[in-house]
Amino acid sequence: MEESNPILGEQFKKIVWNQINSNNPPMTKVTYNRLLSEGIEKEEVIRLLACVVSTETYNVLKFERPFDLDAYEKMLLKLPKMPWE
């Protein structure tokens, strides 16, 4: 999948790394480790996690609602299947 905005994509990846390093939310790091153990390369794992971050961010903005941790974690559990699939 080609990024439509590479700068924004990099920002979402930074968010992912911040979540992994701070272990907040913990499910991000759990999912990171799970996907790596499934043989997915690190760069692809980060891209997949960034897709989840971008999807939840979109939902927050579009529906003018707070961040939904439950919805976010459900999307993480479905990876490597994309949130919109």
C-alpha atoms as a PDB file:
ATOM      1  CA  MET A   1       0.000   0.000   0.000  1.00  0.00           C
ATOM      2  CA  GLU A   2       1.393   3.359  -1.006  1.00  0.00           C
ATOM      3  CA  GLU A   3       1.270   6.141   1.550  1.00  0.00           C
ATOM      4  CA  SER A   4      -0.739   9.135   0.373  1.00  0.00           C
ATOM      5  CA  ASN A   5       1.176  11.459   2.709  1.00  0.00           C
ATOM      6  CA  PRO A   6       4.674  10.212   3.623  1.00  0.00           C
ATOM      7  CA  ILE A   7       5.227  12.926   6.252  1.00  0.00           C
ATOM      8  CA  LEU A   8       2.026  12.009   8.060  1.00  0.00           C
ATOM      9  CA  GLY A   9       2.919   8.323   7.728  1.00  0.00           C
ATOM     10  CA  GLU A  10       6.247   8.966   9.471  1.00  0.00           C
ATOM     11  CA  GLN A  11       4.434  10.753  12.295  1.00  0.00           C
ATOM     12  CA  PHE A  12       2.142   7.765  12.811  1.00  0.00           C
ATOM     13  CA  LYS A  13       5.216   5.513  12.920  1.00  0.00           C
ATOM     14  CA  LYS A  14       6.736   7.772  15.593  1.00  0.00           C
ATOM     15  CA  ILE A  15       3.541   7.399  17.617  1.00  0.00           C
ATOM     16  CA  VAL A  16       3.860   3.616  17.307  1.00  0.00           C
ATOM     17  CA  TRP A  17       7.472   3.689  18.532  1.00  0.00           C
ATOM     18  CA  ASN A  18       6.462   5.936  21.444  1.00  0.00           C
ATOM     19  CA  GLN A  19       3.715   3.474  22.382  1.00  0.00           C
ATOM     20  CA  ILE A  20       6.113   0.514  22.189  1.00  0.00           C
ATOM     21  CA  ASN A  21       8.852   2.242  24.192  1.00  0.00           C
ATOM     22  CA  SER A  22       6.483   3.514  26.880  1.00  0.00           C
ATOM     23  CA  ASN A  23       4.425   0.301  26.862  1.00  0.00           C
ATOM     24  CA  ASN A  24       1.324   2.463  26.671  1.00  0.00           C
ATOM     25  CA  PRO A  25      -1.029   1.046  25.652  1.00  0.00           C
ATOM     26  CA  PRO A  26       0.513  -2.350  26.428  1.00  0.00           C
ATOM     27  CA  MET A  27      -1.378  -4.062  23.578  1.00  0.00           C
ATOM     28  CA  THR A  28       0.739  -2.174  21.027  1.00  0.00           C
ATOM     29  CA  LYS A  29       3.944  -3.810  22.287  1.00  0.00           C
ATOM     30  CA  VAL A  30       2.209  -7.182  22.635  1.00  0.00           C
ATOM     31  CA  THR A  31       1.020  -6.918  19.030  1.00  0.00           C
ATOM     32  CA  TYR A  32       4.460  -5.790  17.856  1.00  0.00           C
ATOM     33  CA  ASN A  33       6.063  -8.858  19.439  1.00  0.00           C
ATOM     34  CA  ARG A  34       3.319 -11.177  18.138  1.00  0.00           C
ATOM     35  CA  LEU A  35       3.695 -10.007  14.556  1.00  0.00           C
ATOM     36  CA  LEU A  36       7.490 -10.305  14.724  1.00  0.00           C
ATOM     37  CA  SER A  37       7.128 -13.856  16.059  1.00  0.00           C
ATOM     38  CA  GLU A  38       4.855 -14.620  13.090  1.00  0.00           C
ATOM     39  CA  GLY A  39       7.779 -13.804  10.803  1.00  0.00           C
ATOM     40  CA  ILE A  40       6.693 -10.364   9.657  1.00  0.00           C
ATOM     41  CA  GLU A  41       9.638  -8.005   9.173  1.00  0.00           C
ATOM     42  CA  LYS A  42      10.035  -5.136  11.643  1.00  0.00           C
ATOM     43  CA  GLU A  43       9.430  -2.389   9.076  1.00  0.00           C
ATOM     44  CA  GLU A  44       6.174  -4.030   7.973  1.00  0.00           C
ATOM     45  CA  VAL A  45       5.060  -4.524  11.586  1.00  0.00           C
ATOM     46  CA  ILE A  46       5.548  -0.825  12.269  1.00  0.00           C
ATOM     47  CA  ARG A  47       3.641   0.044   9.093  1.00  0.00           C
ATOM     48  CA  LEU A  48       0.748  -2.211  10.140  1.00  0.00           C
ATOM     49  CA  LEU A  49       0.637  -0.684  13.612  1.00  0.00           C
ATOM     50  CA  ALA A  50       0.734   2.807  12.089  1.00  0.00           C
ATOM     51  CA  CYS A  51      -2.309   1.886   9.992  1.00  0.00           C
ATOM     52  CA  VAL A  52      -4.210   1.153  13.188  1.00  0.00           C
ATOM     53  CA  VAL A  53      -3.083   4.453  14.736  1.00  0.00           C
ATOM     54  CA  SER A  54      -4.153   6.342  11.624  1.00  0.00           C
ATOM     55  CA  THR A  55      -7.526   4.581  11.515  1.00  0.00           C
ATOM     56  CA  GLU A  56      -8.328   5.405  15.135  1.00  0.00           C
ATOM     57  CA  THR A  57      -7.117   8.982  14.624  1.00  0.00           C
ATOM     58  CA  TYR A  58      -9.411   9.286  11.606  1.00  0.00           C
ATOM     59  CA  ASN A  59     -12.346   7.988  13.656  1.00  0.00           C
ATOM     60  CA  VAL A  60     -11.628  10.446  16.484  1.00  0.00           C
ATOM     61  CA  LEU A  61     -11.591  13.356  14.052  1.00  0.00           C
ATOM     62  CA  LYS A  62     -14.475  12.290  11.828  1.00  0.00           C
ATOM     63  CA  PHE A  63     -16.878  11.383  14.623  1.00  0.00           C
ATOM     64  CA  GLU A  64     -15.619  14.044  17.061  1.00  0.00           C
ATOM     65  CA  ARG A  65     -15.219  11.515  19.843  1.00  0.00           C
ATOM     66  CA  PRO A  66     -12.461  10.620  22.299  1.00  0.00           C
ATOM     67  CA  PHE A  67      -9.860   7.951  21.646  1.00  0.00           C
ATOM     68  CA  ASP A  68     -11.490   4.514  22.047  1.00  0.00           C
ATOM     69  CA  LEU A  69      -8.970   2.142  23.616  1.00  0.00           C
ATOM     70  CA  ASP A  70     -11.264  -0.878  23.208  1.00  0.00           C
ATOM     71  CA  ALA A  71     -11.749  -0.248  19.489  1.00  0.00           C
ATOM     72  CA  TYR A  72      -8.021   0.382  19.098  1.00  0.00           C
ATOM     73  CA  GLU A  73      -7.112  -2.892  20.796  1.00  0.00           C
ATOM     74  CA  LYS A  74      -9.650  -4.822  18.708  1.00  0.00           C
ATOM     75  CA  MET A  75      -7.983  -3.495  15.548  1.00  0.00           C
ATOM     76  CA  LEU A  76      -4.577  -4.524  16.908  1.00  0.00           C
ATOM     77  CA  LEU A  77      -5.835  -8.050  17.582  1.00  0.00           C
ATOM     78  CA  LYS A  78      -6.941  -8.401  13.945  1.00  0.00           C
ATOM     79  CA  LEU A  79      -3.513  -7.540  12.499  1.00  0.00           C
ATOM     80  CA  PRO A  80      -2.064  -8.388  10.038  1.00  0.00           C
ATOM     81  CA  LYS A  81      -5.562  -7.955   8.603  1.00  0.00           C
ATOM     82  CA  MET A  82      -6.084  -4.263   7.973  1.00  0.00           C
ATOM     83  CA  PRO A  83      -8.621  -2.377  10.118  1.00  0.00           C
ATOM     84  CA  TRP A  84     -10.741  -1.502   7.093  1.00  0.00           C
ATOM     85  CA  GLU A  85     -10.922  -5.078   5.776  1.00  0.00           C
END
